[in-house]
Amino acid sequence: MLEIIYVKVLPFPVDVILSQYYDYEHVAHVHPTTLGEFHLVSVHGNVAVYEQHWPRRWFLRARSLVRQEFTPPNEIWFHFIRGRHKGVKVHTRLHADSQGTRVEERYLLPYPNWNWLRRIVKKWVDHNVERIWEEDLSVGICRGGWPGVPRS
């Protein structure tokens, strides 16, 4: 298993950043070329399952089925269970910081844990995740959208 760690400090409180992770509506409008769009499949307690329709590439549109589990007060697990990125897990922790919120994400990828591969994959992950956050920051971070943060 290959593990990539990404850390970013954002100038918003934890509750706003947490809300961002559960605002599926904004994805199609703010991230059409990076994330595509999310379609909610089901919600049971702290678990939401959605189908992600990735942006079109060469007339093809990949899909993923993603299980997103909220562990209050500040953790989210993403499990890509079918389609593009099947087997990938992302563990997100949000921490209050003097500048807002520190986001720590661990990407667990089903690849060999080779140093040379980690360096290549880390650059790719960092570039893409940074691009997504920049898209969010450019609109001031969406919050309170649908389906909303699960209540325990």
N, C-alpha and C. Protein backbone atom coordinates (compact mmCIF):
# COMPACT_ATOMS: atom_id res chain seq x y z
N MET A 1 0.86 -1.18 0.00
CA MET A 1 0.00 0.00 0.00
C MET A 1 0.90 1.23 0.00
N LEU A 2 0.61 2.13 -0.90
CA LEU A 2 1.37 3.38 -1.02
C LEU A 2 0.60 4.47 -0.29
N GLU A 3 1.28 5.18 0.61
CA GLU A 3 0.64 6.23 1.39
C GLU A 3 1.23 7.58 1.01
N ILE A 4 0.34 8.52 0.69
CA ILE A 4 0.73 9.89 0.36
C ILE A 4 0.03 10.81 1.35
N ILE A 5 0.76 11.73 1.96
CA ILE A 5 0.18 12.65 2.93
C ILE A 5 0.16 14.05 2.32
N TYR A 6 -0.98 14.70 2.44
CA TYR A 6 -1.18 16.06 1.94
C TYR A 6 -1.68 16.89 3.11
N VAL A 7 -1.08 18.07 3.33
CA VAL A 7 -1.49 18.97 4.42
C VAL A 7 -1.66 20.37 3.84
N LYS A 8 -2.75 21.02 4.26
CA LYS A 8 -3.00 22.40 3.83
C LYS A 8 -3.72 23.13 4.94
N VAL A 9 -3.37 24.40 5.15
CA VAL A 9 -4.06 25.25 6.11
C VAL A 9 -4.95 26.20 5.31
N LEU A 10 -6.23 26.24 5.68
CA LEU A 10 -7.21 27.06 4.98
C LEU A 10 -7.76 28.12 5.92
N PRO A 11 -8.02 29.33 5.41
CA PRO A 11 -8.43 30.44 6.27
C PRO A 11 -9.93 30.45 6.60
N PHE A 12 -10.46 29.30 6.99
CA PHE A 12 -11.86 29.17 7.38
C PHE A 12 -11.94 28.25 8.59
N PRO A 13 -12.96 28.41 9.44
CA PRO A 13 -13.10 27.53 10.60
C PRO A 13 -13.44 26.08 10.19
N VAL A 14 -13.20 25.16 11.11
CA VAL A 14 -13.40 23.73 10.86
C VAL A 14 -14.81 23.43 10.37
N ASP A 15 -15.83 24.01 10.99
CA ASP A 15 -17.21 23.69 10.59
C ASP A 15 -17.49 24.09 9.14
N VAL A 16 -16.87 25.15 8.66
CA VAL A 16 -17.05 25.57 7.27
C VAL A 16 -16.37 24.58 6.33
N ILE A 17 -15.16 24.17 6.66
CA ILE A 17 -14.43 23.21 5.81
C ILE A 17 -15.13 21.86 5.82
N LEU A 18 -15.60 21.43 6.98
CA LEU A 18 -16.35 20.17 7.05
C LEU A 18 -17.59 20.24 6.17
N SER A 19 -18.30 21.33 6.21
CA SER A 19 -19.49 21.52 5.39
C SER A 19 -19.15 21.42 3.90
N GLN A 20 -17.97 21.91 3.53
CA GLN A 20 -17.52 21.86 2.14
C GLN A 20 -17.46 20.42 1.64
N TYR A 21 -17.00 19.51 2.48
CA TYR A 21 -16.89 18.10 2.08
C TYR A 21 -18.25 17.45 1.84
N TYR A 22 -19.31 18.04 2.36
CA TYR A 22 -20.65 17.48 2.21
C TYR A 22 -21.57 18.37 1.38
N ASP A 23 -21.00 19.26 0.60
CA ASP A 23 -21.77 20.08 -0.32
C ASP A 23 -21.56 19.52 -1.72
N TYR A 24 -22.32 18.49 -2.06
CA TYR A 24 -22.17 17.84 -3.36
C TYR A 24 -22.67 18.72 -4.51
N GLU A 25 -23.58 19.63 -4.21
CA GLU A 25 -24.15 20.49 -5.24
C GLU A 25 -23.09 21.33 -5.94
N HIS A 26 -22.13 21.82 -5.18
CA HIS A 26 -21.16 22.76 -5.75
C HIS A 26 -20.18 22.10 -6.70
N VAL A 27 -20.01 20.78 -6.62
CA VAL A 27 -18.97 20.10 -7.38
C VAL A 27 -19.12 20.34 -8.89
N ALA A 28 -20.32 20.18 -9.42
CA ALA A 28 -20.51 20.36 -10.86
C ALA A 28 -20.27 21.79 -11.32
N HIS A 29 -20.44 22.75 -10.42
CA HIS A 29 -20.30 24.16 -10.78
C HIS A 29 -18.89 24.70 -10.55
N VAL A 30 -18.24 24.24 -9.47
CA VAL A 30 -16.92 24.76 -9.11
C VAL A 30 -15.79 23.87 -9.63
N HIS A 31 -16.06 22.57 -9.77
CA HIS A 31 -15.02 21.60 -10.16
C HIS A 31 -15.36 20.79 -11.42
N PRO A 32 -15.95 21.39 -12.44
CA PRO A 32 -16.37 20.58 -13.59
C PRO A 32 -15.21 19.92 -14.34
N THR A 33 -14.01 20.51 -14.29
CA THR A 33 -12.88 19.94 -15.03
C THR A 33 -11.93 19.14 -14.15
N THR A 34 -12.16 19.15 -12.82
CA THR A 34 -11.30 18.38 -11.91
C THR A 34 -12.02 17.21 -11.28
N LEU A 35 -13.22 17.43 -10.77
CA LEU A 35 -13.97 16.36 -10.09
C LEU A 35 -15.20 15.92 -10.86
N GLY A 36 -15.70 16.72 -11.77
CA GLY A 36 -16.90 16.35 -12.52
C GLY A 36 -18.15 16.69 -11.75
N GLU A 37 -18.89 15.65 -11.34
CA GLU A 37 -20.11 15.86 -10.56
C GLU A 37 -20.40 14.64 -9.70
N PHE A 38 -21.12 14.88 -8.60
CA PHE A 38 -21.49 13.82 -7.66
C PHE A 38 -23.00 13.60 -7.73
N HIS A 39 -23.40 12.33 -7.66
CA HIS A 39 -24.82 11.97 -7.62
C HIS A 39 -25.03 11.08 -6.40
N LEU A 40 -25.79 11.57 -5.45
CA LEU A 40 -26.04 10.83 -4.21
C LEU A 40 -26.80 9.54 -4.50
N VAL A 41 -26.31 8.44 -3.95
CA VAL A 41 -26.96 7.13 -4.09
C VAL A 41 -27.75 6.81 -2.83
N SER A 42 -27.11 7.00 -1.66
CA SER A 42 -27.80 6.70 -0.40
C SER A 42 -27.11 7.39 0.77
N VAL A 43 -27.89 7.56 1.85
CA VAL A 43 -27.36 8.08 3.10
C VAL A 43 -27.94 7.21 4.21
N HIS A 44 -27.06 6.68 5.05
CA HIS A 44 -27.46 5.90 6.22
C HIS A 44 -26.59 6.34 7.39
N GLY A 45 -27.18 7.08 8.33
CA GLY A 45 -26.40 7.58 9.46
C GLY A 45 -25.27 8.47 9.00
N ASN A 46 -24.05 8.08 9.36
CA ASN A 46 -22.87 8.88 9.02
C ASN A 46 -22.22 8.48 7.69
N VAL A 47 -22.91 7.64 6.91
CA VAL A 47 -22.34 7.15 5.66
C VAL A 47 -23.17 7.63 4.47
N ALA A 48 -22.50 8.29 3.55
CA ALA A 48 -23.11 8.68 2.28
C ALA A 48 -22.40 7.91 1.17
N VAL A 49 -23.16 7.45 0.21
CA VAL A 49 -22.59 6.79 -0.96
C VAL A 49 -23.00 7.63 -2.16
N TYR A 50 -22.01 7.96 -2.99
CA TYR A 50 -22.31 8.74 -4.18
C TYR A 50 -21.58 8.17 -5.38
N GLU A 51 -22.15 8.44 -6.55
CA GLU A 51 -21.47 8.09 -7.79
C GLU A 51 -20.83 9.36 -8.32
N GLN A 52 -19.55 9.27 -8.61
CA GLN A 52 -18.82 10.39 -9.16
C GLN A 52 -18.70 10.20 -10.65
N HIS A 53 -19.15 11.20 -11.41
CA HIS A 53 -18.99 11.21 -12.86
C HIS A 53 -17.83 12.14 -13.15
N TRP A 54 -16.71 11.57 -13.51
CA TRP A 54 -15.49 12.35 -13.75
C TRP A 54 -15.64 13.17 -15.02
N PRO A 55 -14.83 14.23 -15.18
CA PRO A 55 -14.88 15.02 -16.42
C PRO A 55 -14.58 14.15 -17.64
N ARG A 56 -15.17 14.51 -18.75
CA ARG A 56 -14.92 13.76 -20.00
C ARG A 56 -13.46 13.91 -20.42
N ARG A 57 -12.90 12.82 -20.86
CA ARG A 57 -11.54 12.79 -21.41
C ARG A 57 -11.60 11.95 -22.69
N TRP A 58 -11.27 12.57 -23.80
CA TRP A 58 -11.26 11.86 -25.08
C TRP A 58 -12.59 11.13 -25.33
N PHE A 59 -13.69 11.83 -25.12
CA PHE A 59 -15.04 11.33 -25.37
C PHE A 59 -15.49 10.24 -24.40
N LEU A 60 -14.70 9.97 -23.37
CA LEU A 60 -15.05 8.97 -22.37
C LEU A 60 -15.33 9.66 -21.04
N ARG A 61 -16.21 9.07 -20.25
CA ARG A 61 -16.50 9.64 -18.93
C ARG A 61 -16.44 8.52 -17.90
N ALA A 62 -15.38 8.51 -17.11
CA ALA A 62 -15.21 7.49 -16.08
C ALA A 62 -16.16 7.77 -14.92
N ARG A 63 -16.44 6.73 -14.17
CA ARG A 63 -17.29 6.85 -12.98
C ARG A 63 -16.63 6.13 -11.83
N SER A 64 -16.99 6.56 -10.63
CA SER A 64 -16.54 5.90 -9.40
C SER A 64 -17.74 5.80 -8.47
N LEU A 65 -17.78 4.74 -7.69
CA LEU A 65 -18.74 4.65 -6.59
C LEU A 65 -17.93 4.86 -5.32
N VAL A 66 -18.32 5.86 -4.52
CA VAL A 66 -17.53 6.27 -3.37
C VAL A 66 -18.39 6.20 -2.11
N ARG A 67 -17.81 5.58 -1.08
CA ARG A 67 -18.44 5.54 0.24
C ARG A 67 -17.73 6.56 1.11
N GLN A 68 -18.48 7.54 1.64
CA GLN A 68 -17.91 8.62 2.45
C GLN A 68 -18.48 8.49 3.85
N GLU A 69 -17.60 8.25 4.82
CA GLU A 69 -18.04 8.05 6.20
C GLU A 69 -17.49 9.14 7.11
N PHE A 70 -18.38 9.76 7.85
CA PHE A 70 -18.03 10.82 8.78
C PHE A 70 -17.90 10.24 10.18
N THR A 71 -16.75 10.48 10.82
CA THR A 71 -16.53 10.10 12.21
C THR A 71 -16.38 11.39 13.00
N PRO A 72 -17.45 11.79 13.70
CA PRO A 72 -17.39 13.07 14.44
C PRO A 72 -16.26 13.07 15.45
N PRO A 73 -15.65 14.22 15.71
CA PRO A 73 -16.09 15.50 15.18
C PRO A 73 -15.34 15.96 13.94
N ASN A 74 -14.25 15.25 13.55
CA ASN A 74 -13.39 15.86 12.53
C ASN A 74 -12.76 14.91 11.53
N GLU A 75 -13.29 13.70 11.37
CA GLU A 75 -12.67 12.75 10.45
C GLU A 75 -13.64 12.29 9.37
N ILE A 76 -13.11 12.10 8.18
CA ILE A 76 -13.89 11.58 7.06
C ILE A 76 -13.05 10.52 6.36
N TRP A 77 -13.67 9.40 6.04
CA TRP A 77 -13.05 8.35 5.23
C TRP A 77 -13.75 8.28 3.89
N PHE A 78 -12.98 8.22 2.82
CA PHE A 78 -13.50 7.99 1.48
C PHE A 78 -12.97 6.64 1.01
N HIS A 79 -13.86 5.79 0.54
CA HIS A 79 -13.48 4.48 -0.01
C HIS A 79 -14.00 4.41 -1.44
N PHE A 80 -13.09 4.33 -2.40
CA PHE A 80 -13.49 4.17 -3.80
C PHE A 80 -13.74 2.69 -4.01
N ILE A 81 -15.01 2.33 -4.11
CA ILE A 81 -15.37 0.90 -4.10
C ILE A 81 -15.64 0.32 -5.48
N ARG A 82 -15.81 1.19 -6.48
CA ARG A 82 -16.02 0.70 -7.84
C ARG A 82 -15.61 1.77 -8.83
N GLY A 83 -15.14 1.33 -9.98
CA GLY A 83 -14.81 2.26 -11.06
C GLY A 83 -13.42 2.86 -10.94
N ARG A 84 -13.30 4.09 -11.44
CA ARG A 84 -12.01 4.79 -11.43
C ARG A 84 -11.50 4.93 -10.00
N HIS A 85 -10.28 4.62 -9.80
CA HIS A 85 -9.59 4.66 -8.51
C HIS A 85 -10.07 3.60 -7.52
N LYS A 86 -10.68 2.52 -8.02
CA LYS A 86 -11.13 1.44 -7.14
C LYS A 86 -9.99 1.00 -6.23
N GLY A 87 -10.30 0.86 -4.94
CA GLY A 87 -9.30 0.43 -3.97
C GLY A 87 -8.60 1.56 -3.25
N VAL A 88 -8.75 2.80 -3.74
CA VAL A 88 -8.13 3.95 -3.08
C VAL A 88 -8.96 4.33 -1.86
N LYS A 89 -8.27 4.70 -0.78
CA LYS A 89 -8.91 5.20 0.42
C LYS A 89 -8.27 6.54 0.76
N VAL A 90 -9.08 7.46 1.26
CA VAL A 90 -8.57 8.75 1.69
C VAL A 90 -9.09 9.00 3.09
N HIS A 91 -8.17 9.27 4.00
CA HIS A 91 -8.53 9.57 5.40
C HIS A 91 -8.23 11.04 5.63
N THR A 92 -9.29 11.80 5.93
CA THR A 92 -9.18 13.24 6.14
C THR A 92 -9.41 13.57 7.60
N ARG A 93 -8.55 14.41 8.16
CA ARG A 93 -8.73 14.95 9.51
C ARG A 93 -8.66 16.47 9.43
N LEU A 94 -9.58 17.11 10.14
CA LEU A 94 -9.62 18.57 10.18
C LEU A 94 -9.28 19.02 11.59
N HIS A 95 -8.36 19.98 11.70
CA HIS A 95 -7.91 20.47 12.99
C HIS A 95 -7.99 21.99 13.03
N ALA A 96 -8.51 22.53 14.14
CA ALA A 96 -8.50 23.98 14.32
C ALA A 96 -7.04 24.45 14.35
N ASP A 97 -6.78 25.57 13.72
CA ASP A 97 -5.44 26.12 13.60
C ASP A 97 -5.56 27.63 13.81
N SER A 98 -4.49 28.26 14.25
CA SER A 98 -4.53 29.71 14.48
C SER A 98 -4.89 30.48 13.20
N GLN A 99 -4.66 29.87 12.04
CA GLN A 99 -4.97 30.52 10.76
C GLN A 99 -6.28 30.02 10.16
N GLY A 100 -6.98 29.12 10.84
CA GLY A 100 -8.24 28.58 10.32
C GLY A 100 -8.35 27.09 10.57
N THR A 101 -8.18 26.30 9.52
CA THR A 101 -8.28 24.84 9.62
C THR A 101 -7.09 24.19 8.94
N ARG A 102 -6.48 23.24 9.63
CA ARG A 102 -5.42 22.42 9.02
C ARG A 102 -6.08 21.14 8.53
N VAL A 103 -6.00 20.91 7.23
CA VAL A 103 -6.54 19.72 6.60
C VAL A 103 -5.40 18.74 6.41
N GLU A 104 -5.55 17.54 6.97
CA GLU A 104 -4.55 16.48 6.79
C GLU A 104 -5.24 15.34 6.06
N GLU A 105 -4.72 14.98 4.90
CA GLU A 105 -5.29 13.88 4.13
C GLU A 105 -4.23 12.82 3.88
N ARG A 106 -4.60 11.58 4.17
CA ARG A 106 -3.75 10.42 3.88
C ARG A 106 -4.39 9.67 2.73
N TYR A 107 -3.69 9.60 1.62
CA TYR A 107 -4.14 8.85 0.46
C TYR A 107 -3.50 7.48 0.51
N LEU A 108 -4.33 6.46 0.58
CA LEU A 108 -3.87 5.07 0.63
C LEU A 108 -4.19 4.43 -0.72
N LEU A 109 -3.13 4.16 -1.48
CA LEU A 109 -3.29 3.70 -2.85
C LEU A 109 -2.82 2.25 -2.99
N PRO A 110 -3.55 1.46 -3.76
CA PRO A 110 -3.20 0.04 -3.90
C PRO A 110 -2.04 -0.19 -4.87
N TYR A 111 -0.90 0.43 -4.57
CA TYR A 111 0.31 0.31 -5.38
C TYR A 111 1.46 -0.11 -4.49
N PRO A 112 2.52 -0.63 -5.07
CA PRO A 112 3.69 -0.99 -4.26
C PRO A 112 4.29 0.23 -3.57
N ASN A 113 4.80 0.03 -2.39
CA ASN A 113 5.39 1.12 -1.60
C ASN A 113 6.86 1.32 -1.98
N TRP A 114 7.08 1.74 -3.21
CA TRP A 114 8.43 1.97 -3.71
C TRP A 114 8.73 3.47 -3.65
N ASN A 115 9.93 3.83 -3.20
CA ASN A 115 10.29 5.24 -3.06
C ASN A 115 10.15 6.01 -4.36
N TRP A 116 10.66 5.47 -5.45
CA TRP A 116 10.61 6.19 -6.73
C TRP A 116 9.16 6.41 -7.17
N LEU A 117 8.27 5.43 -6.90
CA LEU A 117 6.87 5.57 -7.26
C LEU A 117 6.17 6.59 -6.35
N ARG A 118 6.52 6.57 -5.06
CA ARG A 118 5.93 7.52 -4.11
C ARG A 118 6.22 8.96 -4.54
N ARG A 119 7.46 9.23 -4.97
CA ARG A 119 7.81 10.59 -5.39
C ARG A 119 6.98 11.05 -6.59
N ILE A 120 6.77 10.18 -7.55
CA ILE A 120 5.98 10.52 -8.74
C ILE A 120 4.51 10.73 -8.36
N VAL A 121 3.97 9.79 -7.60
CA VAL A 121 2.56 9.86 -7.23
C VAL A 121 2.29 11.05 -6.32
N LYS A 122 3.21 11.34 -5.40
CA LYS A 122 3.03 12.48 -4.50
C LYS A 122 2.92 13.79 -5.29
N LYS A 123 3.77 13.98 -6.29
CA LYS A 123 3.69 15.19 -7.11
C LYS A 123 2.33 15.27 -7.79
N TRP A 124 1.83 14.16 -8.31
CA TRP A 124 0.54 14.13 -8.99
C TRP A 124 -0.59 14.45 -8.01
N VAL A 125 -0.58 13.80 -6.83
CA VAL A 125 -1.61 14.05 -5.81
C VAL A 125 -1.57 15.50 -5.36
N ASP A 126 -0.39 15.99 -4.98
CA ASP A 126 -0.26 17.36 -4.51
C ASP A 126 -0.78 18.36 -5.55
N HIS A 127 -0.40 18.17 -6.79
CA HIS A 127 -0.83 19.08 -7.85
C HIS A 127 -2.34 19.09 -8.00
N ASN A 128 -2.95 17.91 -8.05
CA ASN A 128 -4.39 17.82 -8.28
C ASN A 128 -5.21 18.28 -7.08
N VAL A 129 -4.79 17.93 -5.88
CA VAL A 129 -5.54 18.35 -4.69
C VAL A 129 -5.39 19.86 -4.49
N GLU A 130 -4.22 20.38 -4.74
CA GLU A 130 -4.01 21.83 -4.63
C GLU A 130 -4.90 22.57 -5.63
N ARG A 131 -5.02 22.05 -6.81
CA ARG A 131 -5.87 22.66 -7.84
C ARG A 131 -7.34 22.68 -7.38
N ILE A 132 -7.80 21.61 -6.78
CA ILE A 132 -9.18 21.54 -6.29
C ILE A 132 -9.41 22.58 -5.19
N TRP A 133 -8.47 22.66 -4.23
CA TRP A 133 -8.62 23.66 -3.17
C TRP A 133 -8.58 25.08 -3.72
N GLU A 134 -7.76 25.33 -4.71
CA GLU A 134 -7.72 26.67 -5.31
C GLU A 134 -9.05 27.01 -5.98
N GLU A 135 -9.68 26.02 -6.59
CA GLU A 135 -11.01 26.25 -7.17
C GLU A 135 -12.00 26.61 -6.06
N ASP A 136 -11.95 25.90 -4.95
CA ASP A 136 -12.85 26.20 -3.82
C ASP A 136 -12.57 27.58 -3.25
N LEU A 137 -11.31 27.90 -3.05
CA LEU A 137 -10.96 29.21 -2.48
C LEU A 137 -11.35 30.36 -3.40
N SER A 138 -11.34 30.12 -4.70
CA SER A 138 -11.69 31.18 -5.65
C SER A 138 -13.15 31.59 -5.54
N VAL A 139 -14.00 30.72 -4.97
CA VAL A 139 -15.42 31.07 -4.77
C VAL A 139 -15.74 31.29 -3.30
N GLY A 140 -14.72 31.31 -2.46
CA GLY A 140 -14.92 31.59 -1.04
C GLY A 140 -15.39 30.41 -0.23
N ILE A 141 -15.23 29.21 -0.70
CA ILE A 141 -15.62 27.95 -0.04
C ILE A 141 -17.15 27.86 0.05
N CYS A 142 -17.70 26.87 -0.63
CA CYS A 142 -19.14 26.62 -0.56
C CYS A 142 -19.45 25.93 0.76
N ARG A 143 -20.63 26.17 1.30
CA ARG A 143 -20.98 25.57 2.59
C ARG A 143 -22.48 25.41 2.72
N GLY A 144 -22.85 24.44 3.53
CA GLY A 144 -24.25 24.25 3.85
C GLY A 144 -25.07 23.67 2.71
N GLY A 145 -24.43 23.11 1.72
CA GLY A 145 -25.16 22.56 0.58
C GLY A 145 -25.71 21.17 0.84
N TRP A 146 -26.13 20.54 -0.21
CA TRP A 146 -26.79 19.25 -0.14
C TRP A 146 -25.79 18.12 -0.35
N PRO A 147 -25.82 17.03 0.37
CA PRO A 147 -26.84 16.64 1.33
C PRO A 147 -26.58 17.14 2.75
N GLY A 148 -25.47 17.79 2.99
CA GLY A 148 -25.16 18.33 4.32
C GLY A 148 -24.39 17.33 5.18
N VAL A 149 -23.76 17.85 6.22
CA VAL A 149 -22.97 17.02 7.14
C VAL A 149 -23.91 16.09 7.89
N PRO A 150 -23.61 14.78 7.92
CA PRO A 150 -24.45 13.86 8.68
C PRO A 150 -24.49 14.21 10.15
N ARG A 151 -25.61 14.06 10.76
CA ARG A 151 -25.77 14.30 12.21
C ARG A 151 -25.73 12.95 12.91
N SER A 152 -24.90 12.87 13.95
CA SER A 152 -24.78 11.59 14.66
C SER A 152 -25.90 11.39 15.65
